[in-house]
Amino acid sequence: MATITSNGTGGGLASLGASWAGGVAPVADVDKVIIAATDIIEIDGVYSWGDDTTTALTVTGRLKFSRTVTTDLTIRGGLVITDATTAVFDMGTVASPILCGGSATAARSAGITATLRLNKSAVLVLNKYGISVGFRSSFFQNGDVTAHRGNIMTAGISAGATSAELMILQAGESETILCLLKQLVFTSKRMSELLLP
């Protein structure tokens, strides 16, 4: 079990060793991951990060989901988007969206999707892991606006949940939050999936 940090020189594709300090990509279901402030790491396939103990992924730079291939990221622990203007969790932007409402794009017409799986654990406990989003960061970009600045979960999400409640501290972001919830997948210890409508 190690903590793998992005290279500090701009990042790169998550699959490439050169994108990571030490030249080795994170090991699935074992390593924790940190995205440094100066880096953009692009999710370009299927990944599972974290060791099911504490924080699995800390984003201080930009974590970007590919617009050219279908992607899938499982978080085995907490997800922290730090309180920094450089911290962006990018599953699509207004200018470059991924399958989720809005006008037609190349990614949509190609059937490209991005999936984020939360709460994978050998032993599930209510509120075991969560999403921490810094006030100055951008947790999700899609739809008409960027969802950021204090959008927080108001209650824990348990396995088998059919909805999630967020406190939205800026007006006009309901469409973006709905888009976010459509792309989240909550998992049980057996990885049975619930896709929100």
N, C-alpha and C. Protein backbone atom coordinates (compact mmCIF):
# COMPACT_ATOMS: atom_id res chain seq x y z
N MET A 1 0.84 -1.18 0.00
CA MET A 1 0.00 0.00 0.00
C MET A 1 0.88 1.23 0.00
N ALA A 2 0.73 2.03 -1.06
CA ALA A 2 1.53 3.25 -1.19
C ALA A 2 0.62 4.40 -1.56
N THR A 3 1.15 5.61 -1.40
CA THR A 3 0.49 6.81 -1.89
C THR A 3 1.25 7.28 -3.11
N ILE A 4 0.57 7.31 -4.24
CA ILE A 4 1.18 7.68 -5.51
C ILE A 4 0.74 9.10 -5.88
N THR A 5 1.71 9.97 -6.13
CA THR A 5 1.44 11.36 -6.46
C THR A 5 1.76 11.60 -7.93
N SER A 6 0.97 12.44 -8.57
CA SER A 6 1.23 12.78 -9.97
C SER A 6 2.60 13.44 -10.08
N ASN A 7 3.14 13.50 -11.30
CA ASN A 7 4.56 13.83 -11.50
C ASN A 7 4.99 15.25 -11.16
N GLY A 8 4.06 16.18 -11.02
CA GLY A 8 4.44 17.56 -10.67
C GLY A 8 4.96 18.36 -11.85
N THR A 9 4.92 17.77 -13.03
CA THR A 9 5.43 18.45 -14.23
C THR A 9 4.35 18.54 -15.32
N GLY A 10 3.09 18.48 -14.92
CA GLY A 10 2.00 18.60 -15.88
C GLY A 10 1.07 17.42 -15.91
N GLY A 11 1.49 16.28 -15.35
CA GLY A 11 0.63 15.10 -15.31
C GLY A 11 0.67 14.30 -16.60
N GLY A 12 -0.49 13.83 -17.08
CA GLY A 12 -0.59 13.00 -18.28
C GLY A 12 -1.70 11.98 -18.13
N LEU A 13 -1.66 10.95 -18.95
CA LEU A 13 -2.66 9.88 -18.88
C LEU A 13 -2.46 9.04 -17.62
N ALA A 14 -3.55 8.67 -16.97
CA ALA A 14 -3.46 7.88 -15.74
C ALA A 14 -2.78 6.54 -15.97
N SER A 15 -2.86 6.01 -17.18
CA SER A 15 -2.29 4.70 -17.48
C SER A 15 -0.78 4.70 -17.64
N LEU A 16 -0.18 5.87 -17.82
CA LEU A 16 1.26 5.94 -18.09
C LEU A 16 2.08 6.14 -16.83
N GLY A 17 3.11 5.34 -16.65
CA GLY A 17 4.00 5.51 -15.51
C GLY A 17 4.62 6.90 -15.45
N ALA A 18 4.91 7.47 -16.62
CA ALA A 18 5.54 8.80 -16.69
C ALA A 18 4.66 9.90 -16.12
N SER A 19 3.37 9.65 -15.96
CA SER A 19 2.46 10.65 -15.40
C SER A 19 2.58 10.75 -13.89
N TRP A 20 3.32 9.84 -13.29
CA TRP A 20 3.37 9.71 -11.83
C TRP A 20 4.80 9.86 -11.32
N ALA A 21 4.94 10.47 -10.14
CA ALA A 21 6.25 10.59 -9.49
C ALA A 21 6.79 9.18 -9.25
N GLY A 22 8.03 8.94 -9.59
CA GLY A 22 8.61 7.61 -9.44
C GLY A 22 8.42 6.74 -10.66
N GLY A 23 7.61 7.21 -11.62
CA GLY A 23 7.47 6.50 -12.89
C GLY A 23 6.59 5.27 -12.87
N VAL A 24 5.79 5.09 -11.80
CA VAL A 24 4.94 3.91 -11.69
C VAL A 24 3.49 4.35 -11.44
N ALA A 25 2.57 3.86 -12.27
CA ALA A 25 1.15 4.19 -12.10
C ALA A 25 0.60 3.50 -10.85
N PRO A 26 -0.47 4.06 -10.24
CA PRO A 26 -1.07 3.44 -9.05
C PRO A 26 -1.55 2.01 -9.31
N VAL A 27 -1.37 1.16 -8.31
CA VAL A 27 -1.82 -0.24 -8.38
C VAL A 27 -3.29 -0.29 -7.96
N ALA A 28 -4.11 -0.96 -8.76
CA ALA A 28 -5.55 -1.04 -8.50
C ALA A 28 -5.85 -1.67 -7.15
N ASP A 29 -6.82 -1.08 -6.43
CA ASP A 29 -7.31 -1.58 -5.15
C ASP A 29 -6.26 -1.60 -4.05
N VAL A 30 -5.14 -0.94 -4.26
CA VAL A 30 -4.06 -0.94 -3.27
C VAL A 30 -3.57 0.47 -2.97
N ASP A 31 -3.26 1.24 -4.01
CA ASP A 31 -2.61 2.54 -3.81
C ASP A 31 -3.59 3.69 -3.68
N LYS A 32 -3.24 4.64 -2.81
CA LYS A 32 -3.95 5.91 -2.70
C LYS A 32 -3.32 6.87 -3.71
N VAL A 33 -4.08 7.87 -4.14
CA VAL A 33 -3.64 8.76 -5.21
C VAL A 33 -3.78 10.21 -4.82
N ILE A 34 -2.76 11.00 -5.19
CA ILE A 34 -2.80 12.46 -5.01
C ILE A 34 -2.52 13.11 -6.36
N ILE A 35 -3.39 14.02 -6.78
CA ILE A 35 -3.17 14.81 -7.99
C ILE A 35 -2.61 16.15 -7.55
N ALA A 36 -1.35 16.44 -7.92
CA ALA A 36 -0.68 17.66 -7.50
C ALA A 36 -1.27 18.89 -8.19
N ALA A 37 -1.11 20.05 -7.56
CA ALA A 37 -1.72 21.30 -8.03
C ALA A 37 -1.32 21.67 -9.45
N THR A 38 -0.13 21.31 -9.87
CA THR A 38 0.36 21.70 -11.20
C THR A 38 -0.02 20.70 -12.29
N ASP A 39 -0.71 19.62 -11.93
CA ASP A 39 -0.93 18.52 -12.87
C ASP A 39 -2.38 18.34 -13.32
N ILE A 40 -2.52 17.79 -14.52
CA ILE A 40 -3.79 17.30 -15.04
C ILE A 40 -3.61 15.82 -15.32
N ILE A 41 -4.31 14.99 -14.58
CA ILE A 41 -4.29 13.54 -14.83
C ILE A 41 -5.58 13.18 -15.54
N GLU A 42 -5.44 12.52 -16.68
CA GLU A 42 -6.62 12.14 -17.47
C GLU A 42 -6.93 10.67 -17.28
N ILE A 43 -8.15 10.41 -16.80
CA ILE A 43 -8.64 9.04 -16.66
C ILE A 43 -8.92 8.51 -18.06
N ASP A 44 -8.22 7.44 -18.45
CA ASP A 44 -8.30 6.94 -19.83
C ASP A 44 -8.66 5.46 -19.90
N GLY A 45 -9.39 4.98 -18.91
CA GLY A 45 -9.78 3.57 -18.88
C GLY A 45 -10.54 3.26 -17.60
N VAL A 46 -10.35 2.04 -17.08
CA VAL A 46 -11.02 1.59 -15.86
C VAL A 46 -10.00 1.54 -14.73
N TYR A 47 -10.31 2.22 -13.62
CA TYR A 47 -9.39 2.30 -12.49
C TYR A 47 -10.13 2.10 -11.17
N SER A 48 -9.41 1.60 -10.18
CA SER A 48 -9.92 1.47 -8.82
C SER A 48 -8.80 1.89 -7.88
N TRP A 49 -8.98 3.04 -7.22
CA TRP A 49 -7.92 3.60 -6.38
C TRP A 49 -8.33 3.59 -4.92
N GLY A 50 -7.35 3.37 -4.04
CA GLY A 50 -7.57 3.36 -2.60
C GLY A 50 -7.44 1.97 -2.02
N ASP A 51 -7.23 1.93 -0.71
CA ASP A 51 -7.02 0.64 -0.04
C ASP A 51 -8.10 0.35 1.00
N ASP A 52 -9.24 1.06 0.91
CA ASP A 52 -10.37 0.81 1.82
C ASP A 52 -10.00 1.09 3.28
N THR A 53 -9.19 2.15 3.51
CA THR A 53 -8.87 2.51 4.88
C THR A 53 -9.23 3.96 5.18
N THR A 54 -8.71 4.91 4.42
CA THR A 54 -8.97 6.33 4.66
C THR A 54 -9.24 7.02 3.32
N THR A 55 -8.64 8.17 3.11
CA THR A 55 -8.81 8.89 1.85
C THR A 55 -8.14 8.13 0.72
N ALA A 56 -8.88 7.85 -0.35
CA ALA A 56 -8.35 7.12 -1.50
C ALA A 56 -7.80 8.06 -2.56
N LEU A 57 -8.45 9.23 -2.73
CA LEU A 57 -8.07 10.16 -3.79
C LEU A 57 -8.13 11.59 -3.29
N THR A 58 -7.02 12.30 -3.44
CA THR A 58 -6.95 13.72 -3.09
C THR A 58 -6.64 14.50 -4.36
N VAL A 59 -7.51 15.44 -4.71
CA VAL A 59 -7.34 16.23 -5.93
C VAL A 59 -7.02 17.67 -5.56
N THR A 60 -5.79 18.10 -5.90
CA THR A 60 -5.40 19.49 -5.72
C THR A 60 -5.18 20.14 -7.08
N GLY A 61 -4.90 19.30 -8.10
CA GLY A 61 -4.81 19.75 -9.48
C GLY A 61 -6.11 19.43 -10.19
N ARG A 62 -6.03 18.93 -11.43
CA ARG A 62 -7.24 18.58 -12.19
C ARG A 62 -7.25 17.09 -12.49
N LEU A 63 -8.36 16.43 -12.15
CA LEU A 63 -8.61 15.06 -12.56
C LEU A 63 -9.65 15.14 -13.67
N LYS A 64 -9.26 14.73 -14.86
CA LYS A 64 -10.10 14.90 -16.06
C LYS A 64 -10.45 13.53 -16.64
N PHE A 65 -11.74 13.30 -16.89
CA PHE A 65 -12.18 12.07 -17.53
C PHE A 65 -12.10 12.24 -19.04
N SER A 66 -11.60 11.22 -19.73
CA SER A 66 -11.38 11.27 -21.18
C SER A 66 -12.65 11.62 -21.94
N ARG A 67 -12.47 12.34 -23.05
CA ARG A 67 -13.57 12.64 -23.96
C ARG A 67 -13.53 11.70 -25.18
N THR A 68 -12.53 10.81 -25.23
CA THR A 68 -12.38 9.96 -26.41
C THR A 68 -12.59 8.48 -26.13
N VAL A 69 -12.57 8.06 -24.86
CA VAL A 69 -12.83 6.67 -24.50
C VAL A 69 -13.75 6.63 -23.28
N THR A 70 -14.51 5.56 -23.14
CA THR A 70 -15.36 5.38 -21.97
C THR A 70 -14.48 5.12 -20.75
N THR A 71 -14.82 5.76 -19.64
CA THR A 71 -14.00 5.67 -18.43
C THR A 71 -14.82 5.24 -17.23
N ASP A 72 -14.11 4.72 -16.21
CA ASP A 72 -14.76 4.21 -15.01
C ASP A 72 -13.76 4.31 -13.86
N LEU A 73 -14.11 5.04 -12.81
CA LEU A 73 -13.22 5.19 -11.66
C LEU A 73 -13.95 4.78 -10.40
N THR A 74 -13.38 3.80 -9.68
CA THR A 74 -13.90 3.36 -8.39
C THR A 74 -13.03 3.95 -7.28
N ILE A 75 -13.67 4.50 -6.26
CA ILE A 75 -12.98 5.09 -5.12
C ILE A 75 -13.17 4.16 -3.92
N ARG A 76 -12.05 3.58 -3.43
CA ARG A 76 -12.09 2.69 -2.26
C ARG A 76 -11.61 3.45 -1.03
N GLY A 77 -12.41 4.41 -0.60
CA GLY A 77 -12.06 5.29 0.49
C GLY A 77 -12.68 6.65 0.25
N GLY A 78 -12.20 7.67 0.96
CA GLY A 78 -12.75 9.00 0.80
C GLY A 78 -12.23 9.69 -0.45
N LEU A 79 -13.00 10.66 -0.93
CA LEU A 79 -12.62 11.50 -2.06
C LEU A 79 -12.53 12.93 -1.55
N VAL A 80 -11.34 13.54 -1.71
CA VAL A 80 -11.13 14.91 -1.24
C VAL A 80 -10.74 15.80 -2.41
N ILE A 81 -11.55 16.82 -2.66
CA ILE A 81 -11.18 17.86 -3.61
C ILE A 81 -10.81 19.05 -2.74
N THR A 82 -9.52 19.38 -2.71
CA THR A 82 -9.00 20.33 -1.72
C THR A 82 -9.52 21.74 -1.94
N ASP A 83 -9.32 22.58 -0.93
CA ASP A 83 -9.76 23.97 -0.97
C ASP A 83 -8.72 24.80 -1.72
N ALA A 84 -8.69 24.64 -3.04
CA ALA A 84 -7.74 25.37 -3.87
C ALA A 84 -8.39 25.66 -5.22
N THR A 85 -8.10 26.81 -5.80
CA THR A 85 -8.69 27.15 -7.10
C THR A 85 -8.18 26.23 -8.19
N THR A 86 -7.05 25.56 -7.96
CA THR A 86 -6.50 24.62 -8.95
C THR A 86 -7.20 23.27 -8.92
N ALA A 87 -7.97 22.99 -7.86
CA ALA A 87 -8.59 21.67 -7.66
C ALA A 87 -9.87 21.55 -8.48
N VAL A 88 -9.85 20.67 -9.50
CA VAL A 88 -11.01 20.48 -10.37
C VAL A 88 -11.23 18.99 -10.60
N PHE A 89 -12.45 18.54 -10.38
CA PHE A 89 -12.85 17.18 -10.67
C PHE A 89 -13.71 17.26 -11.93
N ASP A 90 -13.14 16.92 -13.06
CA ASP A 90 -13.72 17.22 -14.38
C ASP A 90 -14.30 15.98 -15.04
N MET A 91 -15.63 15.84 -14.94
CA MET A 91 -16.34 14.78 -15.66
C MET A 91 -17.16 15.41 -16.78
N GLY A 92 -16.59 16.40 -17.42
CA GLY A 92 -17.26 17.13 -18.49
C GLY A 92 -17.34 18.60 -18.14
N THR A 93 -17.25 19.44 -19.15
CA THR A 93 -17.39 20.89 -18.97
C THR A 93 -18.47 21.38 -19.93
N VAL A 94 -18.84 22.63 -19.78
CA VAL A 94 -19.81 23.22 -20.69
C VAL A 94 -19.30 23.13 -22.12
N ALA A 95 -18.03 23.45 -22.30
CA ALA A 95 -17.44 23.42 -23.64
C ALA A 95 -17.13 22.01 -24.13
N SER A 96 -16.93 21.08 -23.21
CA SER A 96 -16.53 19.72 -23.58
C SER A 96 -17.25 18.70 -22.70
N PRO A 97 -18.57 18.55 -22.90
CA PRO A 97 -19.34 17.66 -22.03
C PRO A 97 -19.15 16.19 -22.35
N ILE A 98 -19.54 15.35 -21.38
CA ILE A 98 -19.59 13.90 -21.56
C ILE A 98 -21.05 13.50 -21.38
N LEU A 99 -21.47 12.44 -22.01
CA LEU A 99 -22.84 11.94 -22.04
C LEU A 99 -23.68 12.32 -20.82
N CYS A 100 -24.41 13.40 -20.93
CA CYS A 100 -25.29 13.83 -19.84
C CYS A 100 -26.04 15.09 -20.24
N GLY A 101 -27.11 14.96 -20.99
CA GLY A 101 -27.94 16.11 -21.34
C GLY A 101 -27.27 17.11 -22.26
N GLY A 102 -27.96 18.19 -22.57
CA GLY A 102 -27.39 19.25 -23.39
C GLY A 102 -27.38 18.91 -24.87
N SER A 103 -26.61 19.67 -25.64
CA SER A 103 -26.59 19.50 -27.09
C SER A 103 -25.68 18.35 -27.50
N ALA A 104 -25.83 17.91 -28.74
CA ALA A 104 -25.03 16.79 -29.25
C ALA A 104 -23.57 17.15 -29.34
N THR A 105 -22.70 16.21 -28.99
CA THR A 105 -21.25 16.40 -29.10
C THR A 105 -20.65 15.14 -29.69
N ALA A 106 -19.39 15.23 -30.07
CA ALA A 106 -18.69 14.05 -30.61
C ALA A 106 -18.67 12.93 -29.59
N ALA A 107 -18.41 13.27 -28.32
CA ALA A 107 -18.37 12.24 -27.27
C ALA A 107 -19.71 11.53 -27.14
N ARG A 108 -20.80 12.30 -27.17
CA ARG A 108 -22.12 11.69 -27.05
C ARG A 108 -22.44 10.80 -28.25
N SER A 109 -22.17 11.30 -29.44
CA SER A 109 -22.51 10.52 -30.63
C SER A 109 -21.69 9.23 -30.70
N ALA A 110 -20.51 9.23 -30.08
CA ALA A 110 -19.67 8.03 -30.07
C ALA A 110 -20.06 7.09 -28.92
N GLY A 111 -21.00 7.51 -28.07
CA GLY A 111 -21.44 6.68 -26.95
C GLY A 111 -20.46 6.64 -25.80
N ILE A 112 -19.61 7.66 -25.68
CA ILE A 112 -18.60 7.71 -24.62
C ILE A 112 -19.26 8.16 -23.33
N THR A 113 -18.98 7.43 -22.24
CA THR A 113 -19.51 7.77 -20.92
C THR A 113 -18.39 7.81 -19.90
N ALA A 114 -18.69 8.44 -18.76
CA ALA A 114 -17.77 8.47 -17.63
C ALA A 114 -18.55 8.04 -16.39
N THR A 115 -17.99 7.14 -15.60
CA THR A 115 -18.66 6.64 -14.40
C THR A 115 -17.75 6.80 -13.20
N LEU A 116 -18.31 7.29 -12.11
CA LEU A 116 -17.61 7.39 -10.84
C LEU A 116 -18.32 6.48 -9.85
N ARG A 117 -17.58 5.54 -9.26
CA ARG A 117 -18.15 4.59 -8.30
C ARG A 117 -17.63 4.94 -6.91
N LEU A 118 -18.56 5.16 -6.00
CA LEU A 118 -18.20 5.54 -4.63
C LEU A 118 -18.59 4.45 -3.65
N ASN A 119 -17.96 4.47 -2.49
CA ASN A 119 -18.37 3.64 -1.36
C ASN A 119 -18.09 2.16 -1.57
N LYS A 120 -17.03 1.81 -2.33
CA LYS A 120 -16.66 0.40 -2.42
C LYS A 120 -15.84 0.04 -1.18
N SER A 121 -16.32 -0.94 -0.45
CA SER A 121 -15.66 -1.34 0.78
C SER A 121 -15.99 -2.78 1.10
N ALA A 122 -15.08 -3.46 1.76
CA ALA A 122 -15.32 -4.83 2.19
C ALA A 122 -16.38 -4.88 3.29
N VAL A 123 -16.42 -3.81 4.10
CA VAL A 123 -17.40 -3.72 5.19
C VAL A 123 -18.04 -2.34 5.11
N LEU A 124 -19.33 -2.32 4.78
CA LEU A 124 -20.02 -1.04 4.65
C LEU A 124 -20.58 -0.57 5.98
N VAL A 125 -20.35 0.69 6.27
CA VAL A 125 -20.88 1.34 7.46
C VAL A 125 -21.39 2.70 7.01
N LEU A 126 -22.53 3.13 7.52
CA LEU A 126 -23.07 4.43 7.16
C LEU A 126 -22.05 5.52 7.44
N ASN A 127 -21.84 6.38 6.46
CA ASN A 127 -20.90 7.51 6.56
C ASN A 127 -19.45 7.08 6.71
N LYS A 128 -19.11 5.89 6.26
CA LYS A 128 -17.73 5.42 6.37
C LYS A 128 -16.79 6.29 5.54
N TYR A 129 -17.17 6.55 4.29
CA TYR A 129 -16.38 7.41 3.41
C TYR A 129 -17.27 8.50 2.86
N GLY A 130 -16.67 9.58 2.43
CA GLY A 130 -17.47 10.66 1.90
C GLY A 130 -16.73 11.43 0.82
N ILE A 131 -17.37 12.51 0.39
CA ILE A 131 -16.79 13.43 -0.58
C ILE A 131 -16.60 14.76 0.14
N SER A 132 -15.38 15.23 0.17
CA SER A 132 -15.07 16.53 0.76
C SER A 132 -14.68 17.47 -0.35
N VAL A 133 -15.41 18.58 -0.48
CA VAL A 133 -15.17 19.52 -1.56
C VAL A 133 -14.81 20.88 -0.97
N GLY A 134 -13.59 21.35 -1.27
CA GLY A 134 -13.15 22.65 -0.79
C GLY A 134 -13.97 23.77 -1.38
N PHE A 135 -14.10 24.86 -0.63
CA PHE A 135 -14.94 25.99 -1.03
C PHE A 135 -14.50 26.62 -2.35
N ARG A 136 -13.20 26.65 -2.62
CA ARG A 136 -12.71 27.31 -3.84
C ARG A 136 -12.50 26.34 -5.01
N SER A 137 -12.79 25.08 -4.82
CA SER A 137 -12.55 24.08 -5.87
C SER A 137 -13.77 23.91 -6.77
N SER A 138 -13.62 23.12 -7.84
CA SER A 138 -14.74 22.77 -8.72
C SER A 138 -14.90 21.26 -8.70
N PHE A 139 -16.00 20.80 -8.10
CA PHE A 139 -16.22 19.36 -7.98
C PHE A 139 -16.70 18.76 -9.29
N PHE A 140 -17.54 19.49 -10.00
CA PHE A 140 -18.12 18.90 -11.19
C PHE A 140 -18.45 19.99 -12.18
N GLN A 141 -18.13 19.75 -13.44
CA GLN A 141 -18.46 20.73 -14.46
C GLN A 141 -19.24 20.03 -15.56
N ASN A 142 -20.42 20.53 -15.85
CA ASN A 142 -21.23 20.01 -16.94
C ASN A 142 -22.48 20.87 -17.00
N GLY A 143 -23.32 20.68 -17.98
CA GLY A 143 -24.54 21.45 -18.09
C GLY A 143 -24.26 22.91 -18.36
N ASP A 144 -24.99 23.78 -17.70
CA ASP A 144 -24.89 25.22 -17.97
C ASP A 144 -23.87 25.93 -17.10
N VAL A 145 -23.54 25.39 -15.95
CA VAL A 145 -22.65 26.08 -15.02
C VAL A 145 -21.71 25.08 -14.37
N THR A 146 -20.74 25.58 -13.64
CA THR A 146 -19.85 24.75 -12.85
C THR A 146 -20.41 24.61 -11.44
N ALA A 147 -20.50 23.38 -10.96
CA ALA A 147 -20.95 23.15 -9.58
C ALA A 147 -19.75 23.28 -8.66
N HIS A 148 -19.79 24.25 -7.78
CA HIS A 148 -18.65 24.44 -6.88
C HIS A 148 -19.04 25.35 -5.74
N ARG A 149 -18.08 25.78 -5.00
CA ARG A 149 -18.23 26.71 -3.89
C ARG A 149 -19.27 26.26 -2.86
N GLY A 150 -18.98 25.16 -2.22
CA GLY A 150 -19.77 24.78 -1.06
C GLY A 150 -20.92 23.83 -1.28
N ASN A 151 -20.98 23.14 -2.42
CA ASN A 151 -22.01 22.11 -2.58
C ASN A 151 -21.62 20.91 -1.73
N ILE A 152 -22.43 20.57 -0.74
CA ILE A 152 -22.06 19.51 0.18
C ILE A 152 -23.20 18.50 0.33
N MET A 153 -22.83 17.27 0.69
CA MET A 153 -23.84 16.26 0.99
C MET A 153 -24.48 16.65 2.32
N THR A 154 -25.80 16.53 2.40
CA THR A 154 -26.48 16.87 3.64
C THR A 154 -26.71 15.64 4.51
N ALA A 155 -26.49 14.46 3.94
CA ALA A 155 -26.67 13.21 4.70
C ALA A 155 -25.80 12.14 4.07
N GLY A 156 -25.54 11.10 4.83
CA GLY A 156 -24.76 9.98 4.31
C GLY A 156 -25.51 9.24 3.21
N ILE A 157 -24.76 8.55 2.35
CA ILE A 157 -25.36 7.74 1.29
C ILE A 157 -25.04 6.29 1.58
N SER A 158 -26.08 5.49 1.80
CA SER A 158 -25.83 4.09 2.08
C SER A 158 -26.01 3.23 0.83
N ALA A 159 -25.49 2.00 0.91
CA ALA A 159 -25.64 1.06 -0.20
C ALA A 159 -27.12 0.88 -0.49
N GLY A 160 -27.47 0.84 -1.77
CA GLY A 160 -28.86 0.69 -2.17
C GLY A 160 -29.63 1.99 -2.22
N ALA A 161 -28.95 3.11 -1.99
CA ALA A 161 -29.63 4.41 -2.03
C ALA A 161 -30.19 4.68 -3.41
N THR A 162 -31.31 5.39 -3.45
CA THR A 162 -31.89 5.77 -4.73
C THR A 162 -31.78 7.26 -4.98
N SER A 163 -31.24 8.00 -4.02
CA SER A 163 -31.07 9.42 -4.21
C SER A 163 -29.98 9.93 -3.28
N ALA A 164 -29.54 11.14 -3.55
CA ALA A 164 -28.58 11.80 -2.67
C ALA A 164 -29.01 13.25 -2.54
N GLU A 165 -28.84 13.81 -1.37
CA GLU A 165 -29.27 15.18 -1.14
C GLU A 165 -28.05 16.08 -0.97
N LEU A 166 -28.02 17.16 -1.74
CA LEU A 166 -26.91 18.11 -1.64
C LEU A 166 -27.44 19.47 -1.25
N MET A 167 -26.62 20.20 -0.49
CA MET A 167 -26.92 21.58 -0.19
C MET A 167 -26.23 22.42 -1.25
N ILE A 168 -27.00 23.16 -2.02
CA ILE A 168 -26.45 23.96 -3.12
C ILE A 168 -26.41 25.41 -2.65
N LEU A 169 -25.21 25.95 -2.53
CA LEU A 169 -25.04 27.28 -1.97
C LEU A 169 -25.01 28.38 -3.02
N GLN A 170 -25.16 28.03 -4.30
CA GLN A 170 -25.28 29.04 -5.34
C GLN A 170 -26.54 28.78 -6.12
N ALA A 171 -27.19 29.82 -6.56
CA ALA A 171 -28.43 29.68 -7.31
C ALA A 171 -28.14 29.15 -8.71
N GLY A 172 -29.11 28.46 -9.30
CA GLY A 172 -29.04 28.08 -10.70
C GLY A 172 -28.21 26.85 -11.00
N GLU A 173 -27.92 26.00 -10.00
CA GLU A 173 -27.06 24.86 -10.26
C GLU A 173 -27.79 23.53 -10.22
N SER A 174 -29.11 23.54 -10.14
CA SER A 174 -29.84 22.27 -9.99
C SER A 174 -29.62 21.36 -11.19
N GLU A 175 -29.55 21.90 -12.40
CA GLU A 175 -29.35 21.06 -13.58
C GLU A 175 -28.00 20.37 -13.53
N THR A 176 -26.99 21.10 -13.10
CA THR A 176 -25.66 20.53 -13.01
C THR A 176 -25.60 19.42 -11.97
N ILE A 177 -26.22 19.64 -10.82
CA ILE A 177 -26.22 18.64 -9.77
C ILE A 177 -26.98 17.39 -10.23
N LEU A 178 -28.11 17.57 -10.93
CA LEU A 178 -28.82 16.42 -11.47
C LEU A 178 -27.93 15.63 -12.42
N CYS A 179 -27.19 16.35 -13.25
CA CYS A 179 -26.26 15.71 -14.18
C CYS A 179 -25.21 14.90 -13.40
N LEU A 180 -24.71 15.46 -12.33
CA LEU A 180 -23.74 14.78 -11.49
C LEU A 180 -24.33 13.49 -10.93
N LEU A 181 -25.54 13.57 -10.39
CA LEU A 181 -26.14 12.40 -9.77
C LEU A 181 -26.42 11.30 -10.79
N LYS A 182 -26.66 11.66 -12.04
CA LYS A 182 -26.86 10.65 -13.07
C LYS A 182 -25.58 9.88 -13.35
N GLN A 183 -24.44 10.50 -13.09
CA GLN A 183 -23.18 9.86 -13.43
C GLN A 183 -22.52 9.15 -12.24
N LEU A 184 -23.06 9.31 -11.05
CA LEU A 184 -22.51 8.61 -9.89
C LEU A 184 -23.11 7.22 -9.78
N VAL A 185 -22.31 6.28 -9.34
CA VAL A 185 -22.79 4.92 -9.08
C VAL A 185 -22.42 4.58 -7.65
N PHE A 186 -23.41 4.24 -6.84
CA PHE A 186 -23.14 3.85 -5.46
C PHE A 186 -23.04 2.33 -5.40
N THR A 187 -22.07 1.82 -4.69
CA THR A 187 -21.83 0.39 -4.72
C THR A 187 -21.93 -0.23 -3.33
N SER A 188 -22.34 -1.48 -3.31
CA SER A 188 -22.34 -2.25 -2.08
C SER A 188 -21.06 -3.07 -2.02
N LYS A 189 -20.87 -3.84 -0.96
CA LYS A 189 -19.65 -4.63 -0.85
C LYS A 189 -19.57 -5.69 -1.93
N ARG A 190 -20.69 -6.02 -2.57
CA ARG A 190 -20.67 -6.95 -3.67
C ARG A 190 -20.67 -6.23 -5.02
N MET A 191 -20.48 -4.95 -4.99
CA MET A 191 -20.44 -4.14 -6.20
C MET A 191 -21.73 -4.18 -6.98
N SER A 192 -22.86 -4.48 -6.29
CA SER A 192 -24.14 -4.37 -6.99
C SER A 192 -24.36 -2.88 -7.22
N GLU A 193 -24.83 -2.54 -8.40
CA GLU A 193 -24.85 -1.15 -8.80
C GLU A 193 -26.25 -0.57 -8.80
N LEU A 194 -26.30 0.70 -8.46
CA LEU A 194 -27.52 1.46 -8.58
C LEU A 194 -27.22 2.66 -9.44
N LEU A 195 -27.84 2.74 -10.59
CA LEU A 195 -27.66 3.89 -11.47
C LEU A 195 -28.82 4.84 -11.24
N LEU A 196 -28.49 6.06 -10.85
CA LEU A 196 -29.55 7.01 -10.61
C LEU A 196 -30.15 7.45 -11.94
N PRO A 197 -31.47 7.73 -11.96
CA PRO A 197 -32.14 8.10 -13.22
C PRO A 197 -31.66 9.42 -13.76
